[in-house]
């Protein structure tokens, strides 16, 4: 239960990404919209899962949130690079 901060922040980031994904789908940027929706759902999933994980395995949820953040940054950079060319 030590990682309450990370779990709440993960849920908030997930909600923000879902809203961003819906806006991108409305703007007809389907690839970024779908990627954002998937990452948003996963952030919310790991954030809620973190409340139920035993204390000795809490680091797994934090590492998975970090991995999601890194893949989302790569996706943002990759789609911007593809659009410019």
N, C-alpha and C. Protein backbone atom coordinates (compact mmCIF):
# COMPACT_ATOMS: atom_id res chain seq x y z
N UNK A 1 0.81 -1.19 0.00
CA UNK A 1 0.00 0.00 0.00
C UNK A 1 0.86 1.27 0.00
N UNK A 2 2.17 1.13 -0.15
CA UNK A 2 3.05 2.29 -0.16
C UNK A 2 2.96 3.09 -1.45
N UNK A 3 2.56 2.46 -2.52
CA UNK A 3 2.58 3.12 -3.82
C UNK A 3 1.25 3.75 -4.19
N UNK A 4 0.53 4.26 -3.22
CA UNK A 4 -0.76 4.89 -3.50
C UNK A 4 -0.59 6.07 -4.45
N UNK A 5 0.47 6.84 -4.25
CA UNK A 5 0.73 7.99 -5.12
C UNK A 5 0.87 7.55 -6.57
N UNK A 6 1.67 6.52 -6.82
CA UNK A 6 1.89 6.05 -8.19
C UNK A 6 0.60 5.50 -8.79
N UNK A 7 -0.18 4.82 -7.99
CA UNK A 7 -1.43 4.25 -8.50
C UNK A 7 -2.41 5.34 -8.89
N UNK A 8 -2.54 6.36 -8.06
CA UNK A 8 -3.48 7.45 -8.36
C UNK A 8 -3.00 8.24 -9.58
N UNK A 9 -1.71 8.53 -9.64
CA UNK A 9 -1.16 9.25 -10.79
C UNK A 9 -1.34 8.43 -12.08
N UNK A 10 -1.16 7.13 -11.98
CA UNK A 10 -1.35 6.27 -13.15
C UNK A 10 -2.79 6.32 -13.65
N UNK A 11 -3.74 6.32 -12.74
CA UNK A 11 -5.14 6.41 -13.13
C UNK A 11 -5.43 7.76 -13.77
N UNK A 12 -4.88 8.83 -13.22
CA UNK A 12 -5.10 10.17 -13.78
C UNK A 12 -4.47 10.26 -15.18
N UNK A 13 -3.26 9.76 -15.34
CA UNK A 13 -2.62 9.77 -16.66
C UNK A 13 -3.43 8.93 -17.65
N UNK A 14 -3.97 7.81 -17.19
CA UNK A 14 -4.80 6.99 -18.06
C UNK A 14 -6.04 7.71 -18.54
N UNK A 15 -6.69 8.46 -17.65
CA UNK A 15 -7.87 9.23 -18.04
C UNK A 15 -7.49 10.32 -19.04
N UNK A 16 -6.38 10.99 -18.79
CA UNK A 16 -5.92 12.04 -19.71
C UNK A 16 -5.61 11.43 -21.09
N UNK A 17 -4.97 10.27 -21.11
CA UNK A 17 -4.65 9.63 -22.39
C UNK A 17 -5.91 9.17 -23.13
N UNK A 18 -6.92 8.73 -22.41
CA UNK A 18 -8.16 8.32 -23.06
C UNK A 18 -8.84 9.53 -23.69
N UNK A 19 -8.87 10.64 -22.98
CA UNK A 19 -9.46 11.86 -23.54
C UNK A 19 -8.66 12.31 -24.77
N UNK A 20 -7.33 12.28 -24.66
CA UNK A 20 -6.47 12.64 -25.79
C UNK A 20 -6.71 11.71 -26.97
N UNK A 21 -6.87 10.43 -26.71
CA UNK A 21 -7.12 9.47 -27.78
C UNK A 21 -8.45 9.71 -28.48
N UNK A 22 -9.47 10.06 -27.72
CA UNK A 22 -10.77 10.36 -28.32
C UNK A 22 -10.68 11.62 -29.17
N UNK A 23 -9.97 12.63 -28.68
CA UNK A 23 -9.79 13.86 -29.46
C UNK A 23 -9.03 13.57 -30.76
N UNK A 24 -8.01 12.74 -30.68
CA UNK A 24 -7.25 12.40 -31.88
C UNK A 24 -8.09 11.59 -32.87
N UNK A 25 -8.96 10.73 -32.36
CA UNK A 25 -9.84 9.99 -33.27
C UNK A 25 -10.82 10.93 -33.96
N UNK A 26 -11.29 11.94 -33.25
CA UNK A 26 -12.19 12.92 -33.85
C UNK A 26 -11.45 13.73 -34.91
N UNK A 27 -10.17 14.01 -34.69
CA UNK A 27 -9.35 14.75 -35.66
C UNK A 27 -8.88 13.87 -36.82
N UNK A 28 -9.32 12.63 -36.87
CA UNK A 28 -8.99 11.67 -37.92
C UNK A 28 -7.54 11.24 -37.90
N UNK A 29 -6.90 11.30 -36.75
CA UNK A 29 -5.56 10.74 -36.59
C UNK A 29 -5.72 9.39 -35.90
N UNK A 30 -6.10 8.41 -36.67
CA UNK A 30 -6.50 7.12 -36.10
C UNK A 30 -5.37 6.37 -35.39
N UNK A 31 -4.17 6.42 -35.95
CA UNK A 31 -3.09 5.66 -35.34
C UNK A 31 -2.75 6.20 -33.94
N UNK A 32 -2.62 7.51 -33.81
CA UNK A 32 -2.31 8.09 -32.50
C UNK A 32 -3.48 7.93 -31.54
N UNK A 33 -4.69 8.00 -32.04
CA UNK A 33 -5.87 7.82 -31.19
C UNK A 33 -5.95 6.43 -30.60
N UNK A 34 -5.70 5.44 -31.43
CA UNK A 34 -5.76 4.05 -30.96
C UNK A 34 -4.63 3.76 -29.99
N UNK A 35 -3.43 4.24 -30.30
CA UNK A 35 -2.29 4.04 -29.40
C UNK A 35 -2.55 4.70 -28.05
N UNK A 36 -3.12 5.89 -28.06
CA UNK A 36 -3.41 6.60 -26.81
C UNK A 36 -4.49 5.89 -26.01
N UNK A 37 -5.51 5.39 -26.68
CA UNK A 37 -6.57 4.66 -25.97
C UNK A 37 -6.03 3.39 -25.32
N UNK A 38 -5.20 2.66 -26.04
CA UNK A 38 -4.63 1.42 -25.49
C UNK A 38 -3.76 1.74 -24.28
N UNK A 39 -2.89 2.75 -24.41
CA UNK A 39 -2.03 3.11 -23.28
C UNK A 39 -2.85 3.64 -22.10
N UNK A 40 -3.89 4.39 -22.39
CA UNK A 40 -4.75 4.89 -21.31
C UNK A 40 -5.43 3.77 -20.54
N UNK A 41 -5.94 2.80 -21.27
CA UNK A 41 -6.58 1.66 -20.61
C UNK A 41 -5.56 0.87 -19.78
N UNK A 42 -4.38 0.70 -20.32
CA UNK A 42 -3.34 -0.04 -19.58
C UNK A 42 -2.88 0.73 -18.34
N UNK A 43 -2.75 2.06 -18.44
CA UNK A 43 -2.39 2.86 -17.27
C UNK A 43 -3.46 2.72 -16.18
N UNK A 44 -4.71 2.80 -16.56
CA UNK A 44 -5.79 2.65 -15.56
C UNK A 44 -5.77 1.24 -14.98
N UNK A 45 -5.52 0.26 -15.83
CA UNK A 45 -5.47 -1.13 -15.36
C UNK A 45 -4.35 -1.36 -14.36
N UNK A 46 -3.16 -0.86 -14.68
CA UNK A 46 -2.04 -1.04 -13.74
C UNK A 46 -2.23 -0.20 -12.48
N UNK A 47 -2.88 0.95 -12.62
CA UNK A 47 -3.13 1.78 -11.44
C UNK A 47 -4.09 1.12 -10.47
N UNK A 48 -5.15 0.50 -10.98
CA UNK A 48 -6.09 -0.19 -10.10
C UNK A 48 -5.51 -1.52 -9.61
N UNK A 49 -4.74 -2.19 -10.45
CA UNK A 49 -4.12 -3.44 -10.05
C UNK A 49 -3.12 -3.21 -8.91
N UNK A 50 -2.50 -2.04 -8.89
CA UNK A 50 -1.52 -1.73 -7.86
C UNK A 50 -2.10 -1.68 -6.46
N UNK A 51 -3.41 -1.45 -6.34
CA UNK A 51 -4.05 -1.43 -5.03
C UNK A 51 -4.20 -2.83 -4.43
N UNK A 52 -4.16 -3.86 -5.28
CA UNK A 52 -4.42 -5.22 -4.82
C UNK A 52 -3.19 -6.11 -4.79
N UNK A 53 -2.05 -5.60 -5.19
CA UNK A 53 -0.82 -6.38 -5.25
C UNK A 53 -0.20 -6.45 -3.85
N UNK A 54 0.34 -7.60 -3.45
CA UNK A 54 1.04 -7.69 -2.16
C UNK A 54 2.25 -6.75 -2.13
N UNK A 55 2.65 -6.38 -0.94
CA UNK A 55 3.69 -5.38 -0.76
C UNK A 55 5.01 -5.78 -1.42
N UNK A 56 5.38 -7.04 -1.42
CA UNK A 56 6.68 -7.43 -1.98
C UNK A 56 6.70 -7.39 -3.50
N UNK A 57 5.52 -7.24 -4.15
CA UNK A 57 5.48 -7.18 -5.61
C UNK A 57 5.05 -5.83 -6.14
N UNK A 58 5.06 -4.80 -5.31
CA UNK A 58 4.63 -3.47 -5.75
C UNK A 58 5.56 -2.88 -6.81
N UNK A 59 6.81 -3.28 -6.80
CA UNK A 59 7.76 -2.73 -7.77
C UNK A 59 7.39 -3.11 -9.20
N UNK A 60 6.69 -4.23 -9.38
CA UNK A 60 6.31 -4.67 -10.72
C UNK A 60 5.35 -3.68 -11.36
N UNK A 61 4.38 -3.18 -10.60
CA UNK A 61 3.43 -2.22 -11.16
C UNK A 61 4.12 -0.90 -11.50
N UNK A 62 5.05 -0.47 -10.66
CA UNK A 62 5.77 0.78 -10.94
C UNK A 62 6.62 0.64 -12.19
N UNK A 63 7.30 -0.50 -12.34
CA UNK A 63 8.10 -0.73 -13.54
C UNK A 63 7.24 -0.83 -14.79
N UNK A 64 6.07 -1.42 -14.66
CA UNK A 64 5.19 -1.50 -15.83
C UNK A 64 4.65 -0.12 -16.21
N UNK A 65 4.38 0.73 -15.22
CA UNK A 65 3.96 2.11 -15.52
C UNK A 65 5.09 2.87 -16.21
N UNK A 66 6.31 2.65 -15.78
CA UNK A 66 7.46 3.28 -16.42
C UNK A 66 7.61 2.80 -17.87
N UNK A 67 7.44 1.51 -18.08
CA UNK A 67 7.52 0.97 -19.44
C UNK A 67 6.42 1.55 -20.32
N UNK A 68 5.22 1.70 -19.80
CA UNK A 68 4.14 2.31 -20.57
C UNK A 68 4.44 3.76 -20.92
N UNK A 69 5.02 4.48 -19.98
CA UNK A 69 5.37 5.88 -20.24
C UNK A 69 6.42 5.98 -21.33
N UNK A 70 7.41 5.11 -21.30
CA UNK A 70 8.46 5.13 -22.31
C UNK A 70 7.90 4.76 -23.69
N UNK A 71 7.06 3.74 -23.75
CA UNK A 71 6.48 3.36 -25.04
C UNK A 71 5.54 4.44 -25.57
N UNK A 72 4.85 5.16 -24.69
CA UNK A 72 3.99 6.25 -25.14
C UNK A 72 4.82 7.40 -25.70
N UNK A 73 5.95 7.70 -25.08
CA UNK A 73 6.83 8.75 -25.60
C UNK A 73 7.37 8.34 -26.97
N UNK A 74 7.79 7.08 -27.12
CA UNK A 74 8.27 6.60 -28.41
C UNK A 74 7.16 6.69 -29.46
N UNK A 75 5.94 6.35 -29.08
CA UNK A 75 4.82 6.41 -30.03
C UNK A 75 4.55 7.85 -30.46
N UNK A 76 4.61 8.79 -29.52
CA UNK A 76 4.42 10.19 -29.86
C UNK A 76 5.49 10.67 -30.82
N UNK A 77 6.74 10.35 -30.52
CA UNK A 77 7.84 10.77 -31.39
C UNK A 77 7.77 10.10 -32.76
N UNK A 78 7.40 8.84 -32.78
CA UNK A 78 7.34 8.10 -34.03
C UNK A 78 6.22 8.62 -34.94
N UNK A 79 5.06 8.90 -34.39
CA UNK A 79 3.97 9.39 -35.23
C UNK A 79 4.23 10.82 -35.71
N UNK A 80 4.91 11.62 -34.91
CA UNK A 80 5.28 12.97 -35.38
C UNK A 80 6.31 12.88 -36.49
N UNK A 81 7.26 11.96 -36.39
CA UNK A 81 8.27 11.79 -37.42
C UNK A 81 7.64 11.28 -38.73
N UNK A 82 6.71 10.38 -38.61
CA UNK A 82 6.07 9.82 -39.80
C UNK A 82 5.22 10.90 -40.49
N UNK A 83 4.54 11.73 -39.72
CA UNK A 83 3.70 12.77 -40.32
C UNK A 83 4.54 13.81 -41.06
N UNK A 84 5.75 14.11 -40.59
CA UNK A 84 6.58 15.12 -41.24
C UNK A 84 7.11 14.65 -42.59
N UNK A 85 7.32 13.34 -42.74
CA UNK A 85 7.89 12.87 -44.01
C UNK A 85 6.83 12.58 -45.04
